[in-house]
Amino acid sequence: MNKKLTLNFAHKYAEKTRQSISTIVEKYFKRLKETNDRQYLSKEAEELYGILEKEVIPDKNEMRKIFYEKSII
């Protein structure tokens, strides 16, 4: 009985969010892994975790150019 209730919920949720059940499960396991990985971080590292996630990281050549320009001045 419990399996059927869970599957019905999963199908309704998948339909509502327009995702496949396998995609939902995959995202769940990725989030679970990230949570477990973060448990082993120090307090300082935890505070910095994800700080650059929304920032675009410049490529190496661009960083060298900026460094070079700053060192000339």
PDB file of N, CA and C in Angstrom:
ATOM      1  N   MET A   1       0.822  -1.201   0.000  1.00  0.00           N
ATOM      2  CA  MET A   1       0.000   0.000   0.000  1.00  0.00           C
ATOM      3  C   MET A   1       0.866   1.267   0.000  1.00  0.00           C
ATOM      4  N   ASN A   2       1.914   1.261   0.787  1.00  0.00           N
ATOM      5  CA  ASN A   2       2.790   2.416   0.872  1.00  0.00           C
ATOM      6  C   ASN A   2       3.502   2.694  -0.447  1.00  0.00           C
ATOM      7  N   LYS A   3       3.884   1.627  -1.161  1.00  0.00           N
ATOM      8  CA  LYS A   3       4.562   1.787  -2.449  1.00  0.00           C
ATOM      9  C   LYS A   3       3.665   2.514  -3.442  1.00  0.00           C
ATOM     10  N   LYS A   4       2.415   2.116  -3.471  1.00  0.00           N
ATOM     11  CA  LYS A   4       1.488   2.709  -4.422  1.00  0.00           C
ATOM     12  C   LYS A   4       1.283   4.195  -4.128  1.00  0.00           C
ATOM     13  N   LEU A   5       1.168   4.540  -2.858  1.00  0.00           N
ATOM     14  CA  LEU A   5       1.004   5.939  -2.462  1.00  0.00           C
ATOM     15  C   LEU A   5       2.221   6.756  -2.872  1.00  0.00           C
ATOM     16  N   THR A   6       3.408   6.206  -2.660  1.00  0.00           N
ATOM     17  CA  THR A   6       4.646   6.890  -3.018  1.00  0.00           C
ATOM     18  C   THR A   6       4.741   7.080  -4.529  1.00  0.00           C
ATOM     19  N   LEU A   7       4.404   6.038  -5.277  1.00  0.00           N
ATOM     20  CA  LEU A   7       4.459   6.138  -6.741  1.00  0.00           C
ATOM     21  C   LEU A   7       3.442   7.139  -7.268  1.00  0.00           C
ATOM     22  N   ASN A   8       2.254   7.149  -6.696  1.00  0.00           N
ATOM     23  CA  ASN A   8       1.251   8.127  -7.127  1.00  0.00           C
ATOM     24  C   ASN A   8       1.744   9.541  -6.870  1.00  0.00           C
ATOM     25  N   PHE A   9       2.337   9.748  -5.703  1.00  0.00           N
ATOM     26  CA  PHE A   9       2.885  11.060  -5.385  1.00  0.00           C
ATOM     27  C   PHE A   9       4.000  11.428  -6.366  1.00  0.00           C
ATOM     28  N   ALA A  10       4.879  10.469  -6.644  1.00  0.00           N
ATOM     29  CA  ALA A  10       5.998  10.713  -7.557  1.00  0.00           C
ATOM     30  C   ALA A  10       5.498  11.077  -8.954  1.00  0.00           C
ATOM     31  N   HIS A  11       4.509  10.358  -9.430  1.00  0.00           N
ATOM     32  CA  HIS A  11       3.968  10.650 -10.767  1.00  0.00           C
ATOM     33  C   HIS A  11       3.314  12.028 -10.801  1.00  0.00           C
ATOM     34  N   LYS A  12       2.561  12.356  -9.775  1.00  0.00           N
ATOM     35  CA  LYS A  12       1.906  13.666  -9.745  1.00  0.00           C
ATOM     36  C   LYS A  12       2.934  14.791  -9.660  1.00  0.00           C
ATOM     37  N   TYR A  13       3.953  14.595  -8.827  1.00  0.00           N
ATOM     38  CA  TYR A  13       4.992  15.617  -8.681  1.00  0.00           C
ATOM     39  C   TYR A  13       5.760  15.786  -9.992  1.00  0.00           C
ATOM     40  N   ALA A  14       6.089  14.670 -10.633  1.00  0.00           N
ATOM     41  CA  ALA A  14       6.812  14.721 -11.906  1.00  0.00           C
ATOM     42  C   ALA A  14       5.993  15.446 -12.968  1.00  0.00           C
ATOM     43  N   GLU A  15       4.725  15.167 -12.991  1.00  0.00           N
ATOM     44  CA  GLU A  15       3.845  15.819 -13.965  1.00  0.00           C
ATOM     45  C   GLU A  15       3.737  17.315 -13.669  1.00  0.00           C
ATOM     46  N   LYS A  16       3.607  17.646 -12.398  1.00  0.00           N
ATOM     47  CA  LYS A  16       3.471  19.048 -11.985  1.00  0.00           C
ATOM     48  C   LYS A  16       4.719  19.855 -12.314  1.00  0.00           C
ATOM     49  N   THR A  17       5.888  19.271 -12.110  1.00  0.00           N
ATOM     50  CA  THR A  17       7.146  19.984 -12.338  1.00  0.00           C
ATOM     51  C   THR A  17       7.698  19.767 -13.740  1.00  0.00           C
ATOM     52  N   ARG A  18       6.999  18.962 -14.530  1.00  0.00           N
ATOM     53  CA  ARG A  18       7.401  18.661 -15.908  1.00  0.00           C
ATOM     54  C   ARG A  18       8.812  18.067 -15.979  1.00  0.00           C
ATOM     55  N   GLN A  19       9.070  17.123 -15.079  1.00  0.00           N
ATOM     56  CA  GLN A  19      10.335  16.409 -15.038  1.00  0.00           C
ATOM     57  C   GLN A  19      10.031  14.921 -15.010  1.00  0.00           C
ATOM     58  N   SER A  20      10.983  14.140 -15.455  1.00  0.00           N
ATOM     59  CA  SER A  20      10.801  12.696 -15.333  1.00  0.00           C
ATOM     60  C   SER A  20      11.144  12.287 -13.905  1.00  0.00           C
ATOM     61  N   ILE A  21      10.618  11.151 -13.492  1.00  0.00           N
ATOM     62  CA  ILE A  21      10.915  10.653 -12.149  1.00  0.00           C
ATOM     63  C   ILE A  21      12.405  10.376 -12.018  1.00  0.00           C
ATOM     64  N   SER A  22      13.027   9.864 -13.066  1.00  0.00           N
ATOM     65  CA  SER A  22      14.465   9.580 -12.995  1.00  0.00           C
ATOM     66  C   SER A  22      15.266  10.871 -12.813  1.00  0.00           C
ATOM     67  N   THR A  23      14.845  11.959 -13.431  1.00  0.00           N
ATOM     68  CA  THR A  23      15.522  13.244 -13.252  1.00  0.00           C
ATOM     69  C   THR A  23      15.376  13.733 -11.819  1.00  0.00           C
ATOM     70  N   ILE A  24      14.199  13.591 -11.269  1.00  0.00           N
ATOM     71  CA  ILE A  24      13.959  14.003  -9.885  1.00  0.00           C
ATOM     72  C   ILE A  24      14.828  13.193  -8.936  1.00  0.00           C
ATOM     73  N   VAL A  25      14.899  11.891  -9.159  1.00  0.00           N
ATOM     74  CA  VAL A  25      15.706  11.015  -8.302  1.00  0.00           C
ATOM     75  C   VAL A  25      17.185  11.364  -8.445  1.00  0.00           C
ATOM     76  N   GLU A  26      17.627  11.623  -9.671  1.00  0.00           N
ATOM     77  CA  GLU A  26      19.027  11.981  -9.905  1.00  0.00           C
ATOM     78  C   GLU A  26      19.379  13.269  -9.161  1.00  0.00           C
ATOM     79  N   LYS A  27      18.521  14.280  -9.254  1.00  0.00           N
ATOM     80  CA  LYS A  27      18.761  15.540  -8.555  1.00  0.00           C
ATOM     81  C   LYS A  27      18.791  15.326  -7.042  1.00  0.00           C
ATOM     82  N   TYR A  28      17.900  14.466  -6.561  1.00  0.00           N
ATOM     83  CA  TYR A  28      17.855  14.170  -5.126  1.00  0.00           C
ATOM     84  C   TYR A  28      19.171  13.563  -4.663  1.00  0.00           C
ATOM     85  N   PHE A  29      19.690  12.579  -5.391  1.00  0.00           N
ATOM     86  CA  PHE A  29      20.934  11.927  -4.999  1.00  0.00           C
ATOM     87  C   PHE A  29      22.129  12.882  -5.106  1.00  0.00           C
ATOM     88  N   LYS A  30      22.134  13.763  -6.100  1.00  0.00           N
ATOM     89  CA  LYS A  30      23.207  14.748  -6.206  1.00  0.00           C
ATOM     90  C   LYS A  30      23.194  15.674  -4.995  1.00  0.00           C
ATOM     91  N   ARG A  31      21.997  16.134  -4.619  1.00  0.00           N
ATOM     92  CA  ARG A  31      21.870  17.017  -3.464  1.00  0.00           C
ATOM     93  C   ARG A  31      22.280  16.290  -2.186  1.00  0.00           C
ATOM     94  N   LEU A  32      21.917  15.028  -2.077  1.00  0.00           N
ATOM     95  CA  LEU A  32      22.284  14.222  -0.924  1.00  0.00           C
ATOM     96  C   LEU A  32      23.797  14.078  -0.834  1.00  0.00           C
ATOM     97  N   LYS A  33      24.445  13.848  -1.978  1.00  0.00           N
ATOM     98  CA  LYS A  33      25.904  13.718  -2.004  1.00  0.00           C
ATOM     99  C   LYS A  33      26.565  15.031  -1.607  1.00  0.00           C
ATOM    100  N   GLU A  34      26.073  16.149  -2.138  1.00  0.00           N
ATOM    101  CA  GLU A  34      26.626  17.457  -1.792  1.00  0.00           C
ATOM    102  C   GLU A  34      26.497  17.724  -0.301  1.00  0.00           C
ATOM    103  N   THR A  35      25.368  17.362   0.264  1.00  0.00           N
ATOM    104  CA  THR A  35      25.148  17.543   1.698  1.00  0.00           C
ATOM    105  C   THR A  35      26.144  16.722   2.487  1.00  0.00           C
ATOM    106  N   ASN A  36      26.360  15.476   2.077  1.00  0.00           N
ATOM    107  CA  ASN A  36      27.323  14.618   2.768  1.00  0.00           C
ATOM    108  C   ASN A  36      28.738  15.141   2.611  1.00  0.00           C
ATOM    109  N   ASP A  37      29.085  15.644   1.428  1.00  0.00           N
ATOM    110  CA  ASP A  37      30.419  16.192   1.194  1.00  0.00           C
ATOM    111  C   ASP A  37      30.662  17.414   2.072  1.00  0.00           C
ATOM    112  N   ARG A  38      29.655  18.216   2.261  1.00  0.00           N
ATOM    113  CA  ARG A  38      29.802  19.452   3.028  1.00  0.00           C
ATOM    114  C   ARG A  38      29.937  19.175   4.527  1.00  0.00           C
ATOM    115  N   GLN A  39      29.526  18.029   4.991  1.00  0.00           N
ATOM    116  CA  GLN A  39      29.624  17.712   6.417  1.00  0.00           C
ATOM    117  C   GLN A  39      31.079  17.622   6.869  1.00  0.00           C
ATOM    118  N   TYR A  40      31.987  17.351   5.957  1.00  0.00           N
ATOM    119  CA  TYR A  40      33.384  17.170   6.298  1.00  0.00           C
ATOM    120  C   TYR A  40      34.202  18.449   6.162  1.00  0.00           C
ATOM    121  N   LEU A  41      33.554  19.549   5.826  1.00  0.00           N
ATOM    122  CA  LEU A  41      34.269  20.814   5.671  1.00  0.00           C
ATOM    123  C   LEU A  41      34.458  21.491   7.028  1.00  0.00           C
ATOM    124  N   SER A  42      35.563  22.218   7.159  1.00  0.00           N
ATOM    125  CA  SER A  42      35.766  23.007   8.370  1.00  0.00           C
ATOM    126  C   SER A  42      34.771  24.167   8.373  1.00  0.00           C
ATOM    127  N   LYS A  43      34.647  24.822   9.513  1.00  0.00           N
ATOM    128  CA  LYS A  43      33.709  25.944   9.628  1.00  0.00           C
ATOM    129  C   LYS A  43      34.071  27.053   8.637  1.00  0.00           C
ATOM    130  N   GLU A  44      35.375  27.324   8.499  1.00  0.00           N
ATOM    131  CA  GLU A  44      35.826  28.370   7.586  1.00  0.00           C
ATOM    132  C   GLU A  44      35.516  28.011   6.133  1.00  0.00           C
ATOM    133  N   ALA A  45      35.766  26.770   5.770  1.00  0.00           N
ATOM    134  CA  ALA A  45      35.489  26.324   4.408  1.00  0.00           C
ATOM    135  C   ALA A  45      33.986  26.324   4.134  1.00  0.00           C
ATOM    136  N   GLU A  46      33.202  25.974   5.132  1.00  0.00           N
ATOM    137  CA  GLU A  46      31.740  25.972   4.990  1.00  0.00           C
ATOM    138  C   GLU A  46      31.228  27.372   4.658  1.00  0.00           C
ATOM    139  N   GLU A  47      31.824  28.395   5.288  1.00  0.00           N
ATOM    140  CA  GLU A  47      31.412  29.771   5.025  1.00  0.00           C
ATOM    141  C   GLU A  47      31.746  30.200   3.596  1.00  0.00           C
ATOM    142  N   LEU A  48      32.823  29.662   3.050  1.00  0.00           N
ATOM    143  CA  LEU A  48      33.254  30.025   1.701  1.00  0.00           C
ATOM    144  C   LEU A  48      32.608  29.159   0.625  1.00  0.00           C
ATOM    145  N   TYR A  49      31.982  28.066   1.022  1.00  0.00           N
ATOM    146  CA  TYR A  49      31.430  27.104   0.077  1.00  0.00           C
ATOM    147  C   TYR A  49      30.408  27.780  -0.837  1.00  0.00           C
ATOM    148  N   GLY A  50      30.648  27.709  -2.138  1.00  0.00           N
ATOM    149  CA  GLY A  50      29.713  28.224  -3.131  1.00  0.00           C
ATOM    150  C   GLY A  50      29.793  29.722  -3.352  1.00  0.00           C
ATOM    151  N   ILE A  51      30.787  30.397  -2.776  1.00  0.00           N
ATOM    152  CA  ILE A  51      30.870  31.858  -2.875  1.00  0.00           C
ATOM    153  C   ILE A  51      31.024  32.328  -4.326  1.00  0.00           C
ATOM    154  N   LEU A  52      31.701  31.538  -5.148  1.00  0.00           N
ATOM    155  CA  LEU A  52      31.904  31.923  -6.547  1.00  0.00           C
ATOM    156  C   LEU A  52      30.940  31.231  -7.493  1.00  0.00           C
ATOM    157  N   GLU A  53      29.968  30.561  -6.948  1.00  0.00           N
ATOM    158  CA  GLU A  53      29.055  29.773  -7.768  1.00  0.00           C
ATOM    159  C   GLU A  53      28.324  30.616  -8.820  1.00  0.00           C
ATOM    160  N   LYS A  54      27.962  31.830  -8.465  1.00  0.00           N
ATOM    161  CA  LYS A  54      27.201  32.672  -9.389  1.00  0.00           C
ATOM    162  C   LYS A  54      28.104  33.592 -10.206  1.00  0.00           C
ATOM    163  N   GLU A  55      29.384  33.637  -9.870  1.00  0.00           N
ATOM    164  CA  GLU A  55      30.329  34.498 -10.578  1.00  0.00           C
ATOM    165  C   GLU A  55      30.900  33.766 -11.792  1.00  0.00           C
ATOM    166  N   VAL A  56      31.138  34.508 -12.837  1.00  0.00           N
ATOM    167  CA  VAL A  56      31.797  33.954 -14.012  1.00  0.00           C
ATOM    168  C   VAL A  56      33.296  33.969 -13.738  1.00  0.00           C
ATOM    169  N   ILE A  57      33.939  32.835 -13.869  1.00  0.00           N
ATOM    170  CA  ILE A  57      35.378  32.760 -13.639  1.00  0.00           C
ATOM    171  C   ILE A  57      36.085  33.097 -14.947  1.00  0.00           C
ATOM    172  N   PRO A  58      36.935  34.145 -14.925  1.00  0.00           N
ATOM    173  CA  PRO A  58      37.622  34.529 -16.165  1.00  0.00           C
ATOM    174  C   PRO A  58      38.620  33.456 -16.590  1.00  0.00           C
ATOM    175  N   ASP A  59      38.880  33.391 -17.882  1.00  0.00           N
ATOM    176  CA  ASP A  59      39.835  32.375 -18.327  1.00  0.00           C
ATOM    177  C   ASP A  59      41.252  32.808 -17.972  1.00  0.00           C
ATOM    178  N   LYS A  60      42.182  31.882 -18.041  1.00  0.00           N
ATOM    179  CA  LYS A  60      43.553  32.086 -17.593  1.00  0.00           C
ATOM    180  C   LYS A  60      44.232  33.250 -18.325  1.00  0.00           C
ATOM    181  N   ASN A  61      44.048  33.347 -19.626  1.00  0.00           N
ATOM    182  CA  ASN A  61      44.692  34.421 -20.404  1.00  0.00           C
ATOM    183  C   ASN A  61      44.178  35.794 -19.990  1.00  0.00           C
ATOM    184  N   GLU A  62      42.894  35.877 -19.712  1.00  0.00           N
ATOM    185  CA  GLU A  62      42.316  37.149 -19.284  1.00  0.00           C
ATOM    186  C   GLU A  62      42.873  37.544 -17.906  1.00  0.00           C
ATOM    187  N   MET A  63      43.010  36.572 -17.020  1.00  0.00           N
ATOM    188  CA  MET A  63      43.565  36.846 -15.690  1.00  0.00           C
ATOM    189  C   MET A  63      45.020  37.311 -15.791  1.00  0.00           C
ATOM    190  N   ARG A  64      45.784  36.682 -16.670  1.00  0.00           N
ATOM    191  CA  ARG A  64      47.180  37.098 -16.869  1.00  0.00           C
ATOM    192  C   ARG A  64      47.265  38.534 -17.388  1.00  0.00           C
ATOM    193  N   LYS A  65      46.392  38.869 -18.324  1.00  0.00           N
ATOM    194  CA  LYS A  65      46.370  40.222 -18.880  1.00  0.00           C
ATOM    195  C   LYS A  65      46.076  41.238 -17.795  1.00  0.00           C
ATOM    196  N   ILE A  66      45.083  40.957 -16.961  1.00  0.00           N
ATOM    197  CA  ILE A  66      44.724  41.880 -15.871  1.00  0.00           C
ATOM    198  C   ILE A  66      45.885  42.023 -14.893  1.00  0.00           C
ATOM    199  N   PHE A  67      46.505  40.899 -14.538  1.00  0.00           N
ATOM    200  CA  PHE A  67      47.643  40.935 -13.623  1.00  0.00           C
ATOM    201  C   PHE A  67      48.792  41.751 -14.217  1.00  0.00           C
ATOM    202  N   TYR A  68      49.068  41.517 -15.493  1.00  0.00           N
ATOM    203  CA  TYR A  68      50.144  42.242 -16.179  1.00  0.00           C
ATOM    204  C   TYR A  68      49.872  43.745 -16.185  1.00  0.00           C
ATOM    205  N   GLU A  69      48.638  44.136 -16.499  1.00  0.00           N
ATOM    206  CA  GLU A  69      48.273  45.549 -16.544  1.00  0.00           C
ATOM    207  C   GLU A  69      48.410  46.193 -15.174  1.00  0.00           C
ATOM    208  N   LYS A  70      48.047  45.490 -14.125  1.00  0.00           N
ATOM    209  CA  LYS A  70      48.165  46.025 -12.770  1.00  0.00           C
ATOM    210  C   LYS A  70      49.613  46.146 -12.330  1.00  0.00           C
ATOM    211  N   SER A  71      50.458  45.228 -12.775  1.00  0.00           N
ATOM    212  CA  SER A  71      51.858  45.248 -12.343  1.00  0.00           C
ATOM    213  C   SER A  71      52.654  46.347 -13.052  1.00  0.00           C
ATOM    214  N   ILE A  72      52.184  46.803 -14.183  1.00  0.00           N
ATOM    215  CA  ILE A  72      52.860  47.874 -14.930  1.00  0.00           C
ATOM    216  C   ILE A  72      52.621  49.217 -14.253  1.00  0.00           C
ATOM    217  N   ILE A  73      51.457  49.399 -13.730  1.00  0.00           N
ATOM    218  CA  ILE A  73      51.055  50.707 -13.146  1.00  0.00           C
ATOM    219  C   ILE A  73      51.777  50.996 -11.890  1.00  0.00           C
TER     220      ILE A  73
END
